[in-house]
Amino acid sequence: TANPTLSCPLLPLPYSNSFETRGIGWNDDTSSDFDWRRNTGFTSSSGTGPSSAIDGSFYIYMEVSSPNYPNKTAVLKSDCFDPSTLSDPGIFFQYHMLGLSMTPSCEIFENTQCDLL
């Protein structure tokens, strides 16, 4: 259901996304200094990353091989959700990490304005 004060519709919950359709759900924030890539099959650097998606054909990843580390930030933005409609909201995701020195970090920020017009 679209909210007339928001620049995007509120997605119904529960919600899942397997990255099959570009531009729906979770997207790269191109204003960050490091980008998420949508891919199928192997990643561009040999011996790293998944060989396939966990669900469907596509997955997203960050190419962390040099020079993309260690102080760059990749931001993944979601469409608008209203978790107040759920009794026990949560975000669940699967990840794959392979490399010599991996230090995972994930931060989740809430934007209660959802890009008000």
PDB file of N, CA and C in Angstrom:
ATOM      1  N   THR A   1       0.845  -1.185   0.000  1.00  0.00           N
ATOM      2  CA  THR A   1       0.000   0.000   0.000  1.00  0.00           C
ATOM      3  C   THR A   1       0.882   1.237   0.000  1.00  0.00           C
ATOM      4  N   ALA A   2       0.664   2.132  -0.908  1.00  0.00           N
ATOM      5  CA  ALA A   2       1.470   3.341  -0.998  1.00  0.00           C
ATOM      6  C   ALA A   2       1.048   4.333   0.073  1.00  0.00           C
ATOM      7  N   ASN A   3       2.017   4.982   0.667  1.00  0.00           N
ATOM      8  CA  ASN A   3       1.776   6.039   1.630  1.00  0.00           C
ATOM      9  C   ASN A   3       2.000   7.349   0.889  1.00  0.00           C
ATOM     10  N   PRO A   4       1.016   8.256   0.802  1.00  0.00           N
ATOM     11  CA  PRO A   4       1.150   9.457  -0.029  1.00  0.00           C
ATOM     12  C   PRO A   4       2.250  10.402   0.428  1.00  0.00           C
ATOM     13  N   THR A   5       2.748  10.273   1.676  1.00  0.00           N
ATOM     14  CA  THR A   5       3.809  11.160   2.142  1.00  0.00           C
ATOM     15  C   THR A   5       5.207  10.588   1.882  1.00  0.00           C
ATOM     16  N   LEU A   6       5.275   9.389   1.378  1.00  0.00           N
ATOM     17  CA  LEU A   6       6.565   8.747   1.151  1.00  0.00           C
ATOM     18  C   LEU A   6       6.886   8.702  -0.330  1.00  0.00           C
ATOM     19  N   SER A   7       8.200   8.728  -0.655  1.00  0.00           N
ATOM     20  CA  SER A   7       8.609   8.644  -2.056  1.00  0.00           C
ATOM     21  C   SER A   7       8.636   7.210  -2.546  1.00  0.00           C
ATOM     22  N   CYS A   8       8.381   6.261  -1.657  1.00  0.00           N
ATOM     23  CA  CYS A   8       8.361   4.857  -2.052  1.00  0.00           C
ATOM     24  C   CYS A   8       7.209   4.160  -1.338  1.00  0.00           C
ATOM     25  N   PRO A   9       6.682   3.080  -1.910  1.00  0.00           N
ATOM     26  CA  PRO A   9       5.607   2.358  -1.238  1.00  0.00           C
ATOM     27  C   PRO A   9       6.151   1.541  -0.072  1.00  0.00           C
ATOM     28  N   LEU A  10       5.326   1.320   0.932  1.00  0.00           N
ATOM     29  CA  LEU A  10       5.704   0.425   2.018  1.00  0.00           C
ATOM     30  C   LEU A  10       5.564  -1.005   1.514  1.00  0.00           C
ATOM     31  N   LEU A  11       6.623  -1.790   1.654  1.00  0.00           N
ATOM     32  CA  LEU A  11       6.563  -3.185   1.232  1.00  0.00           C
ATOM     33  C   LEU A  11       5.843  -4.000   2.293  1.00  0.00           C
ATOM     34  N   PRO A  12       5.040  -4.969   1.882  1.00  0.00           N
ATOM     35  CA  PRO A  12       4.332  -5.803   2.860  1.00  0.00           C
ATOM     36  C   PRO A  12       5.325  -6.699   3.598  1.00  0.00           C
ATOM     37  N   LEU A  13       5.024  -6.957   4.849  1.00  0.00           N
ATOM     38  CA  LEU A  13       5.865  -7.833   5.665  1.00  0.00           C
ATOM     39  C   LEU A  13       5.084  -9.080   6.005  1.00  0.00           C
ATOM     40  N   PRO A  14       5.705 -10.234   6.190  1.00  0.00           N
ATOM     41  CA  PRO A  14       7.145 -10.448   6.005  1.00  0.00           C
ATOM     42  C   PRO A  14       7.548 -10.318   4.535  1.00  0.00           C
ATOM     43  N   TYR A  15       8.826 -10.026   4.319  1.00  0.00           N
ATOM     44  CA  TYR A  15       9.357  -9.744   2.994  1.00  0.00           C
ATOM     45  C   TYR A  15      10.638 -10.536   2.788  1.00  0.00           C
ATOM     46  N   SER A  16      10.844 -11.020   1.562  1.00  0.00           N
ATOM     47  CA  SER A  16      12.116 -11.677   1.235  1.00  0.00           C
ATOM     48  C   SER A  16      12.536 -11.243  -0.162  1.00  0.00           C
ATOM     49  N   ASN A  17      13.826 -11.323  -0.429  1.00  0.00           N
ATOM     50  CA  ASN A  17      14.358 -10.891  -1.715  1.00  0.00           C
ATOM     51  C   ASN A  17      15.508 -11.804  -2.096  1.00  0.00           C
ATOM     52  N   SER A  18      15.469 -12.320  -3.302  1.00  0.00           N
ATOM     53  CA  SER A  18      16.565 -13.163  -3.774  1.00  0.00           C
ATOM     54  C   SER A  18      17.345 -12.490  -4.901  1.00  0.00           C
ATOM     55  N   PHE A  19      17.156 -11.176  -5.097  1.00  0.00           N
ATOM     56  CA  PHE A  19      17.914 -10.363  -6.050  1.00  0.00           C
ATOM     57  C   PHE A  19      17.691 -10.745  -7.507  1.00  0.00           C
ATOM     58  N   GLU A  20      16.592 -11.418  -7.803  1.00  0.00           N
ATOM     59  CA  GLU A  20      16.305 -11.805  -9.185  1.00  0.00           C
ATOM     60  C   GLU A  20      15.903 -10.602 -10.035  1.00  0.00           C
ATOM     61  N   THR A  21      15.252  -9.627  -9.422  1.00  0.00           N
ATOM     62  CA  THR A  21      14.805  -8.450 -10.151  1.00  0.00           C
ATOM     63  C   THR A  21      15.602  -7.243  -9.690  1.00  0.00           C
ATOM     64  N   ARG A  22      16.320  -6.635 -10.619  1.00  0.00           N
ATOM     65  CA  ARG A  22      17.141  -5.467 -10.289  1.00  0.00           C
ATOM     66  C   ARG A  22      16.243  -4.287  -9.916  1.00  0.00           C
ATOM     67  N   GLY A  23      16.649  -3.559  -8.878  1.00  0.00           N
ATOM     68  CA  GLY A  23      15.942  -2.342  -8.501  1.00  0.00           C
ATOM     69  C   GLY A  23      14.764  -2.530  -7.584  1.00  0.00           C
ATOM     70  N   ILE A  24      14.506  -3.741  -7.122  1.00  0.00           N
ATOM     71  CA  ILE A  24      13.394  -3.985  -6.221  1.00  0.00           C
ATOM     72  C   ILE A  24      13.937  -4.548  -4.920  1.00  0.00           C
ATOM     73  N   GLY A  25      13.569  -3.938  -3.807  1.00  0.00           N
ATOM     74  CA  GLY A  25      13.977  -4.450  -2.502  1.00  0.00           C
ATOM     75  C   GLY A  25      15.235  -3.795  -1.976  1.00  0.00           C
ATOM     76  N   TRP A  26      16.387  -4.413  -2.196  1.00  0.00           N
ATOM     77  CA  TRP A  26      17.667  -3.943  -1.682  1.00  0.00           C
ATOM     78  C   TRP A  26      18.532  -3.482  -2.843  1.00  0.00           C
ATOM     79  N   ASN A  27      19.124  -2.278  -2.712  1.00  0.00           N
ATOM     80  CA  ASN A  27      19.891  -1.700  -3.809  1.00  0.00           C
ATOM     81  C   ASN A  27      21.149  -1.021  -3.299  1.00  0.00           C
ATOM     82  N   ASP A  28      22.149  -0.971  -4.149  1.00  0.00           N
ATOM     83  CA  ASP A  28      23.402  -0.298  -3.846  1.00  0.00           C
ATOM     84  C   ASP A  28      23.173   1.202  -3.719  1.00  0.00           C
ATOM     85  N   ASP A  29      23.739   1.792  -2.679  1.00  0.00           N
ATOM     86  CA  ASP A  29      23.720   3.243  -2.532  1.00  0.00           C
ATOM     87  C   ASP A  29      24.957   3.771  -3.248  1.00  0.00           C
ATOM     88  N   THR A  30      24.772   4.320  -4.420  1.00  0.00           N
ATOM     89  CA  THR A  30      25.906   4.726  -5.260  1.00  0.00           C
ATOM     90  C   THR A  30      26.648   5.939  -4.703  1.00  0.00           C
ATOM     91  N   SER A  31      26.153   6.555  -3.635  1.00  0.00           N
ATOM     92  CA  SER A  31      26.882   7.675  -3.036  1.00  0.00           C
ATOM     93  C   SER A  31      27.990   7.193  -2.098  1.00  0.00           C
ATOM     94  N   SER A  32      28.025   5.900  -1.778  1.00  0.00           N
ATOM     95  CA  SER A  32      29.098   5.377  -0.937  1.00  0.00           C
ATOM     96  C   SER A  32      30.371   5.196  -1.771  1.00  0.00           C
ATOM     97  N   ASP A  33      31.495   4.968  -1.112  1.00  0.00           N
ATOM     98  CA  ASP A  33      32.768   4.871  -1.832  1.00  0.00           C
ATOM     99  C   ASP A  33      33.110   3.449  -2.288  1.00  0.00           C
ATOM    100  N   PHE A  34      32.154   2.540  -2.176  1.00  0.00           N
ATOM    101  CA  PHE A  34      32.389   1.145  -2.509  1.00  0.00           C
ATOM    102  C   PHE A  34      31.046   0.553  -2.908  1.00  0.00           C
ATOM    103  N   ASP A  35      30.979  -0.188  -3.994  1.00  0.00           N
ATOM    104  CA  ASP A  35      29.692  -0.629  -4.537  1.00  0.00           C
ATOM    105  C   ASP A  35      29.421  -2.112  -4.365  1.00  0.00           C
ATOM    106  N   TRP A  36      28.136  -2.412  -4.182  1.00  0.00           N
ATOM    107  CA  TRP A  36      27.644  -3.777  -4.254  1.00  0.00           C
ATOM    108  C   TRP A  36      27.466  -4.112  -5.739  1.00  0.00           C
ATOM    109  N   ARG A  37      27.721  -5.351  -6.089  1.00  0.00           N
ATOM    110  CA  ARG A  37      27.538  -5.805  -7.469  1.00  0.00           C
ATOM    111  C   ARG A  37      26.519  -6.939  -7.492  1.00  0.00           C
ATOM    112  N   ARG A  38      25.686  -6.938  -8.498  1.00  0.00           N
ATOM    113  CA  ARG A  38      24.711  -8.022  -8.706  1.00  0.00           C
ATOM    114  C   ARG A  38      25.339  -8.979  -9.698  1.00  0.00           C
ATOM    115  N   ASN A  39      25.306 -10.266  -9.395  1.00  0.00           N
ATOM    116  CA  ASN A  39      26.046 -11.224 -10.206  1.00  0.00           C
ATOM    117  C   ASN A  39      25.344 -12.579 -10.235  1.00  0.00           C
ATOM    118  N   THR A  40      25.698 -13.357 -11.212  1.00  0.00           N
ATOM    119  CA  THR A  40      25.323 -14.759 -11.295  1.00  0.00           C
ATOM    120  C   THR A  40      26.591 -15.534 -11.622  1.00  0.00           C
ATOM    121  N   GLY A  41      26.752 -16.712 -11.063  1.00  0.00           N
ATOM    122  CA  GLY A  41      27.988 -17.474 -11.286  1.00  0.00           C
ATOM    123  C   GLY A  41      29.112 -16.995 -10.393  1.00  0.00           C
ATOM    124  N   PHE A  42      30.351 -17.229 -10.813  1.00  0.00           N
ATOM    125  CA  PHE A  42      31.526 -16.886 -10.020  1.00  0.00           C
ATOM    126  C   PHE A  42      31.769 -15.375  -9.990  1.00  0.00           C
ATOM    127  N   THR A  43      32.474 -14.914  -8.962  1.00  0.00           N
ATOM    128  CA  THR A  43      32.869 -13.511  -8.878  1.00  0.00           C
ATOM    129  C   THR A  43      34.071 -13.269  -9.788  1.00  0.00           C
ATOM    130  N   SER A  44      34.450 -11.987  -9.950  1.00  0.00           N
ATOM    131  CA  SER A  44      35.527 -11.634 -10.875  1.00  0.00           C
ATOM    132  C   SER A  44      36.923 -12.007 -10.376  1.00  0.00           C
ATOM    133  N   SER A  45      37.099 -12.182  -9.085  1.00  0.00           N
ATOM    134  CA  SER A  45      38.409 -12.597  -8.571  1.00  0.00           C
ATOM    135  C   SER A  45      38.379 -14.095  -8.275  1.00  0.00           C
ATOM    136  N   SER A  46      39.362 -14.819  -8.784  1.00  0.00           N
ATOM    137  CA  SER A  46      39.358 -16.280  -8.657  1.00  0.00           C
ATOM    138  C   SER A  46      39.580 -16.717  -7.215  1.00  0.00           C
ATOM    139  N   GLY A  47      38.921 -17.793  -6.839  1.00  0.00           N
ATOM    140  CA  GLY A  47      39.100 -18.385  -5.528  1.00  0.00           C
ATOM    141  C   GLY A  47      38.394 -17.654  -4.400  1.00  0.00           C
ATOM    142  N   THR A  48      37.530 -16.714  -4.723  1.00  0.00           N
ATOM    143  CA  THR A  48      36.779 -16.008  -3.688  1.00  0.00           C
ATOM    144  C   THR A  48      35.313 -15.989  -4.076  1.00  0.00           C
ATOM    145  N   GLY A  49      34.491 -15.705  -3.113  1.00  0.00           N
ATOM    146  CA  GLY A  49      33.071 -15.532  -3.384  1.00  0.00           C
ATOM    147  C   GLY A  49      32.354 -16.829  -3.713  1.00  0.00           C
ATOM    148  N   PRO A  50      31.039 -16.728  -3.813  1.00  0.00           N
ATOM    149  CA  PRO A  50      30.239 -17.907  -4.127  1.00  0.00           C
ATOM    150  C   PRO A  50      30.310 -18.245  -5.619  1.00  0.00           C
ATOM    151  N   SER A  51      29.909 -19.443  -5.957  1.00  0.00           N
ATOM    152  CA  SER A  51      29.824 -19.836  -7.358  1.00  0.00           C
ATOM    153  C   SER A  51      28.391 -19.727  -7.870  1.00  0.00           C
ATOM    154  N   SER A  52      27.447 -19.544  -6.946  1.00  0.00           N
ATOM    155  CA  SER A  52      26.043 -19.419  -7.335  1.00  0.00           C
ATOM    156  C   SER A  52      25.254 -18.782  -6.202  1.00  0.00           C
ATOM    157  N   ALA A  53      24.024 -18.402  -6.509  1.00  0.00           N
ATOM    158  CA  ALA A  53      23.135 -17.817  -5.506  1.00  0.00           C
ATOM    159  C   ALA A  53      22.535 -18.914  -4.643  1.00  0.00           C
ATOM    160  N   ILE A  54      22.145 -18.555  -3.439  1.00  0.00           N
ATOM    161  CA  ILE A  54      21.491 -19.513  -2.550  1.00  0.00           C
ATOM    162  C   ILE A  54      20.048 -19.776  -2.984  1.00  0.00           C
ATOM    163  N   ASP A  55      19.455 -18.762  -3.653  1.00  0.00           N
ATOM    164  CA  ASP A  55      18.072 -18.858  -4.101  1.00  0.00           C
ATOM    165  C   ASP A  55      17.970 -18.141  -5.445  1.00  0.00           C
ATOM    166  N   GLY A  56      17.516 -18.804  -6.467  1.00  0.00           N
ATOM    167  CA  GLY A  56      17.434 -18.192  -7.789  1.00  0.00           C
ATOM    168  C   GLY A  56      18.795 -18.171  -8.462  1.00  0.00           C
ATOM    169  N   SER A  57      19.015 -17.201  -9.351  1.00  0.00           N
ATOM    170  CA  SER A  57      20.252 -17.127 -10.119  1.00  0.00           C
ATOM    171  C   SER A  57      21.195 -16.023  -9.663  1.00  0.00           C
ATOM    172  N   PHE A  58      20.655 -14.940  -9.083  1.00  0.00           N
ATOM    173  CA  PHE A  58      21.463 -13.764  -8.775  1.00  0.00           C
ATOM    174  C   PHE A  58      21.733 -13.603  -7.289  1.00  0.00           C
ATOM    175  N   TYR A  59      22.867 -12.994  -6.979  1.00  0.00           N
ATOM    176  CA  TYR A  59      23.238 -12.607  -5.627  1.00  0.00           C
ATOM    177  C   TYR A  59      23.955 -11.259  -5.732  1.00  0.00           C
ATOM    178  N   ILE A  60      24.162 -10.608  -4.602  1.00  0.00           N
ATOM    179  CA  ILE A  60      24.950  -9.382  -4.594  1.00  0.00           C
ATOM    180  C   ILE A  60      26.222  -9.636  -3.804  1.00  0.00           C
ATOM    181  N   TYR A  61      27.277  -8.922  -4.166  1.00  0.00           N
ATOM    182  CA  TYR A  61      28.544  -9.078  -3.457  1.00  0.00           C
ATOM    183  C   TYR A  61      29.356  -7.798  -3.557  1.00  0.00           C
ATOM    184  N   MET A  62      30.378  -7.737  -2.723  1.00  0.00           N
ATOM    185  CA  MET A  62      31.342  -6.641  -2.775  1.00  0.00           C
ATOM    186  C   MET A  62      32.677  -7.258  -3.168  1.00  0.00           C
ATOM    187  N   GLU A  63      33.349  -6.691  -4.141  1.00  0.00           N
ATOM    188  CA  GLU A  63      34.679  -7.171  -4.536  1.00  0.00           C
ATOM    189  C   GLU A  63      35.689  -6.531  -3.590  1.00  0.00           C
ATOM    190  N   VAL A  64      36.189  -7.321  -2.645  1.00  0.00           N
ATOM    191  CA  VAL A  64      37.075  -6.772  -1.615  1.00  0.00           C
ATOM    192  C   VAL A  64      38.556  -6.987  -1.906  1.00  0.00           C
ATOM    193  N   SER A  65      38.870  -7.548  -3.067  1.00  0.00           N
ATOM    194  CA  SER A  65      40.275  -7.675  -3.438  1.00  0.00           C
ATOM    195  C   SER A  65      40.868  -6.283  -3.629  1.00  0.00           C
ATOM    196  N   SER A  66      42.175  -6.174  -3.432  1.00  0.00           N
ATOM    197  CA  SER A  66      42.869  -4.885  -3.533  1.00  0.00           C
ATOM    198  C   SER A  66      42.487  -4.170  -4.821  1.00  0.00           C
ATOM    199  N   PRO A  67      42.214  -2.893  -4.790  1.00  0.00           N
ATOM    200  CA  PRO A  67      42.439  -1.892  -3.728  1.00  0.00           C
ATOM    201  C   PRO A  67      41.183  -1.541  -2.941  1.00  0.00           C
ATOM    202  N   ASN A  68      40.227  -2.416  -2.849  1.00  0.00           N
ATOM    203  CA  ASN A  68      38.941  -2.097  -2.223  1.00  0.00           C
ATOM    204  C   ASN A  68      38.884  -2.316  -0.720  1.00  0.00           C
ATOM    205  N   TYR A  69      39.991  -2.303  -0.051  1.00  0.00           N
ATOM    206  CA  TYR A  69      39.970  -2.514   1.385  1.00  0.00           C
ATOM    207  C   TYR A  69      41.021  -1.643   2.028  1.00  0.00           C
ATOM    208  N   PRO A  70      41.125  -1.440   3.310  1.00  0.00           N
ATOM    209  CA  PRO A  70      40.175  -1.897   4.327  1.00  0.00           C
ATOM    210  C   PRO A  70      39.201  -0.826   4.783  1.00  0.00           C
ATOM    211  N   ASN A  71      39.345   0.385   4.291  1.00  0.00           N
ATOM    212  CA  ASN A  71      38.558   1.480   4.864  1.00  0.00           C
ATOM    213  C   ASN A  71      37.484   2.023   3.942  1.00  0.00           C
ATOM    214  N   LYS A  72      36.925   1.199   3.104  1.00  0.00           N
ATOM    215  CA  LYS A  72      35.837   1.638   2.233  1.00  0.00           C
ATOM    216  C   LYS A  72      34.513   1.121   2.778  1.00  0.00           C
ATOM    217  N   THR A  73      33.447   1.822   2.430  1.00  0.00           N
ATOM    218  CA  THR A  73      32.123   1.472   2.932  1.00  0.00           C
ATOM    219  C   THR A  73      31.169   1.237   1.774  1.00  0.00           C
ATOM    220  N   ALA A  74      30.518   0.085   1.776  1.00  0.00           N
ATOM    221  CA  ALA A  74      29.477  -0.227   0.797  1.00  0.00           C
ATOM    222  C   ALA A  74      28.145  -0.164   1.526  1.00  0.00           C
ATOM    223  N   VAL A  75      27.202   0.581   0.966  1.00  0.00           N
ATOM    224  CA  VAL A  75      25.902   0.758   1.614  1.00  0.00           C
ATOM    225  C   VAL A  75      24.830   0.085   0.769  1.00  0.00           C
ATOM    226  N   LEU A  76      24.029  -0.725   1.426  1.00  0.00           N
ATOM    227  CA  LEU A  76      22.906  -1.394   0.789  1.00  0.00           C
ATOM    228  C   LEU A  76      21.642  -0.778   1.373  1.00  0.00           C
ATOM    229  N   LYS A  77      20.819  -0.196   0.514  1.00  0.00           N
ATOM    230  CA  LYS A  77      19.591   0.463   0.968  1.00  0.00           C
ATOM    231  C   LYS A  77      18.387  -0.405   0.626  1.00  0.00           C
ATOM    232  N   SER A  78      17.390  -0.329   1.485  1.00  0.00           N
ATOM    233  CA  SER A  78      16.171  -1.095   1.231  1.00  0.00           C
ATOM    234  C   SER A  78      15.039  -0.157   0.839  1.00  0.00           C
ATOM    235  N   ASP A  79      14.004  -0.761   0.291  1.00  0.00           N
ATOM    236  CA  ASP A  79      12.760  -0.043   0.119  1.00  0.00           C
ATOM    237  C   ASP A  79      12.180   0.192   1.515  1.00  0.00           C
ATOM    238  N   CYS A  80      11.049   0.829   1.609  1.00  0.00           N
ATOM    239  CA  CYS A  80      10.440   1.181   2.897  1.00  0.00           C
ATOM    240  C   CYS A  80       9.679   0.001   3.500  1.00  0.00           C
ATOM    241  N   PHE A  81       9.915  -0.227   4.777  1.00  0.00           N
ATOM    242  CA  PHE A  81       9.223  -1.251   5.547  1.00  0.00           C
ATOM    243  C   PHE A  81       8.661  -0.599   6.798  1.00  0.00           C
ATOM    244  N   ASP A  82       7.598  -1.152   7.343  1.00  0.00           N
ATOM    245  CA  ASP A  82       7.078  -0.704   8.628  1.00  0.00           C
ATOM    246  C   ASP A  82       7.094  -1.886   9.585  1.00  0.00           C
ATOM    247  N   PRO A  83       8.204  -2.068  10.321  1.00  0.00           N
ATOM    248  CA  PRO A  83       8.315  -3.233  11.206  1.00  0.00           C
ATOM    249  C   PRO A  83       7.386  -3.179  12.417  1.00  0.00           C
ATOM    250  N   SER A  84       6.733  -2.045  12.658  1.00  0.00           N
ATOM    251  CA  SER A  84       5.840  -1.955  13.815  1.00  0.00           C
ATOM    252  C   SER A  84       4.625  -2.874  13.679  1.00  0.00           C
ATOM    253  N   THR A  85       4.384  -3.382  12.477  1.00  0.00           N
ATOM    254  CA  THR A  85       3.256  -4.290  12.258  1.00  0.00           C
ATOM    255  C   THR A  85       3.581  -5.723  12.677  1.00  0.00           C
ATOM    256  N   LEU A  86       4.836  -5.992  13.031  1.00  0.00           N
ATOM    257  CA  LEU A  86       5.256  -7.337  13.423  1.00  0.00           C
ATOM    258  C   LEU A  86       5.517  -7.411  14.919  1.00  0.00           C
ATOM    259  N   SER A  87       5.220  -8.560  15.525  1.00  0.00           N
ATOM    260  CA  SER A  87       5.456  -8.716  16.960  1.00  0.00           C
ATOM    261  C   SER A  87       6.923  -8.982  17.275  1.00  0.00           C
ATOM    262  N   ASP A  88       7.657  -9.582  16.346  1.00  0.00           N
ATOM    263  CA  ASP A  88       9.068  -9.907  16.585  1.00  0.00           C
ATOM    264  C   ASP A  88       9.862  -9.686  15.294  1.00  0.00           C
ATOM    265  N   PRO A  89      10.055  -8.407  14.886  1.00  0.00           N
ATOM    266  CA  PRO A  89      10.727  -8.142  13.607  1.00  0.00           C
ATOM    267  C   PRO A  89      12.207  -8.521  13.651  1.00  0.00           C
ATOM    268  N   GLY A  90      12.750  -8.863  12.496  1.00  0.00           N
ATOM    269  CA  GLY A  90      14.167  -9.186  12.385  1.00  0.00           C
ATOM    270  C   GLY A  90      14.620  -9.131  10.946  1.00  0.00           C
ATOM    271  N   ILE A  91      15.923  -9.026  10.764  1.00  0.00           N
ATOM    272  CA  ILE A  91      16.529  -9.070   9.434  1.00  0.00           C
ATOM    273  C   ILE A  91      17.457 -10.277   9.415  1.00  0.00           C
ATOM    274  N   PHE A  92      17.261 -11.135   8.449  1.00  0.00           N
ATOM    275  CA  PHE A  92      18.073 -12.343   8.325  1.00  0.00           C
ATOM    276  C   PHE A  92      18.695 -12.373   6.944  1.00  0.00           C
ATOM    277  N   PHE A  93      19.954 -12.713   6.855  1.00  0.00           N
ATOM    278  CA  PHE A  93      20.613 -12.807   5.559  1.00  0.00           C
ATOM    279  C   PHE A  93      21.674 -13.884   5.610  1.00  0.00           C
ATOM    280  N   GLN A  94      22.025 -14.371   4.442  1.00  0.00           N
ATOM    281  CA  GLN A  94      23.087 -15.368   4.317  1.00  0.00           C
ATOM    282  C   GLN A  94      24.275 -14.698   3.659  1.00  0.00           C
ATOM    283  N   TYR A  95      25.459 -15.090   4.078  1.00  0.00           N
ATOM    284  CA  TYR A  95      26.649 -14.504   3.479  1.00  0.00           C
ATOM    285  C   TYR A  95      27.725 -15.565   3.283  1.00  0.00           C
ATOM    286  N   HIS A  96      28.651 -15.246   2.417  1.00  0.00           N
ATOM    287  CA  HIS A  96      29.771 -16.118   2.087  1.00  0.00           C
ATOM    288  C   HIS A  96      31.021 -15.250   2.112  1.00  0.00           C
ATOM    289  N   MET A  97      32.010 -15.673   2.863  1.00  0.00           N
ATOM    290  CA  MET A  97      33.260 -14.898   2.923  1.00  0.00           C
ATOM    291  C   MET A  97      34.428 -15.849   2.729  1.00  0.00           C
ATOM    292  N   LEU A  98      35.319 -15.478   1.829  1.00  0.00           N
ATOM    293  CA  LEU A  98      36.501 -16.286   1.588  1.00  0.00           C
ATOM    294  C   LEU A  98      37.650 -15.338   1.270  1.00  0.00           C
ATOM    295  N   GLY A  99      38.710 -15.435   2.016  1.00  0.00           N
ATOM    296  CA  GLY A  99      39.866 -14.577   1.795  1.00  0.00           C
ATOM    297  C   GLY A  99      40.877 -14.753   2.911  1.00  0.00           C
ATOM    298  N   LEU A 100      42.042 -14.136   2.741  1.00  0.00           N
ATOM    299  CA  LEU A 100      43.110 -14.287   3.722  1.00  0.00           C
ATOM    300  C   LEU A 100      42.834 -13.560   5.032  1.00  0.00           C
ATOM    301  N   SER A 101      42.320 -12.376   4.963  1.00  0.00           N
ATOM    302  CA  SER A 101      42.074 -11.611   6.191  1.00  0.00           C
ATOM    303  C   SER A 101      40.715 -10.941   6.109  1.00  0.00           C
ATOM    304  N   MET A 102      39.714 -11.623   6.587  1.00  0.00           N
ATOM    305  CA  MET A 102      38.349 -11.115   6.518  1.00  0.00           C
ATOM    306  C   MET A 102      37.911 -10.648   7.910  1.00  0.00           C
ATOM    307  N   THR A 103      37.409  -9.435   8.002  1.00  0.00           N
ATOM    308  CA  THR A 103      36.859  -8.894   9.234  1.00  0.00           C
ATOM    309  C   THR A 103      35.462  -8.394   8.930  1.00  0.00           C
ATOM    310  N   PRO A 104      34.460  -9.234   9.155  1.00  0.00           N
ATOM    311  CA  PRO A 104      33.097  -8.834   8.800  1.00  0.00           C
ATOM    312  C   PRO A 104      32.586  -7.716   9.699  1.00  0.00           C
ATOM    313  N   SER A 105      31.806  -6.851   9.113  1.00  0.00           N
ATOM    314  CA  SER A 105      31.167  -5.775   9.858  1.00  0.00           C
ATOM    315  C   SER A 105      29.838  -5.466   9.189  1.00  0.00           C
ATOM    316  N   CYS A 106      28.810  -5.366   9.992  1.00  0.00           N
ATOM    317  CA  CYS A 106      27.490  -5.039   9.466  1.00  0.00           C
ATOM    318  C   CYS A 106      26.824  -4.065  10.423  1.00  0.00           C
ATOM    319  N   GLU A 107      26.380  -2.943   9.909  1.00  0.00           N
ATOM    320  CA  GLU A 107      25.665  -1.958  10.704  1.00  0.00           C
ATOM    321  C   GLU A 107      24.310  -1.726  10.051  1.00  0.00           C
ATOM    322  N   ILE A 108      23.286  -1.637  10.857  1.00  0.00           N
ATOM    323  CA  ILE A 108      21.938  -1.406  10.361  1.00  0.00           C
ATOM    324  C   ILE A 108      21.461  -0.076  10.918  1.00  0.00           C
ATOM    325  N   PHE A 109      21.021   0.801  10.020  1.00  0.00           N
ATOM    326  CA  PHE A 109      20.536   2.119  10.413  1.00  0.00           C
ATOM    327  C   PHE A 109      19.070   2.245  10.052  1.00  0.00           C
ATOM    328  N   GLU A 110      18.339   2.893  10.911  1.00  0.00           N
ATOM    329  CA  GLU A 110      16.914   3.124  10.675  1.00  0.00           C
ATOM    330  C   GLU A 110      16.716   4.550  10.167  1.00  0.00           C
ATOM    331  N   ASN A 111      15.973   4.664   9.090  1.00  0.00           N
ATOM    332  CA  ASN A 111      15.596   5.978   8.568  1.00  0.00           C
ATOM    333  C   ASN A 111      14.086   6.067   8.692  1.00  0.00           C
ATOM    334  N   THR A 112      13.629   6.720   9.733  1.00  0.00           N
ATOM    335  CA  THR A 112      12.182   6.786   9.962  1.00  0.00           C
ATOM    336  C   THR A 112      11.491   7.729   8.991  1.00  0.00           C
ATOM    337  N   GLN A 113      12.238   8.515   8.243  1.00  0.00           N
ATOM    338  CA  GLN A 113      11.629   9.430   7.295  1.00  0.00           C
ATOM    339  C   GLN A 113      11.324   8.761   5.952  1.00  0.00           C
ATOM    340  N   CYS A 114      12.057   7.760   5.594  1.00  0.00           N
ATOM    341  CA  CYS A 114      11.854   7.038   4.332  1.00  0.00           C
ATOM    342  C   CYS A 114      11.738   7.998   3.154  1.00  0.00           C
ATOM    343  N   ASP A 115      12.678   8.927   3.071  1.00  0.00           N
ATOM    344  CA  ASP A 115      12.734   9.890   1.968  1.00  0.00           C
ATOM    345  C   ASP A 115      11.424  10.636   1.792  1.00  0.00           C
ATOM    346  N   LEU A 116      11.033  11.348   2.800  1.00  0.00           N
ATOM    347  CA  LEU A 116       9.795  12.147   2.714  1.00  0.00           C
ATOM    348  C   LEU A 116       9.891  13.140   1.573  1.00  0.00           C
ATOM    349  N   LEU A 117       8.817  13.303   0.859  1.00  0.00           N
ATOM    350  CA  LEU A 117       8.778  14.256  -0.260  1.00  0.00           C
ATOM    351  C   LEU A 117       8.471  15.655   0.241  1.00  0.00           C
TER     352      LEU A 117
END
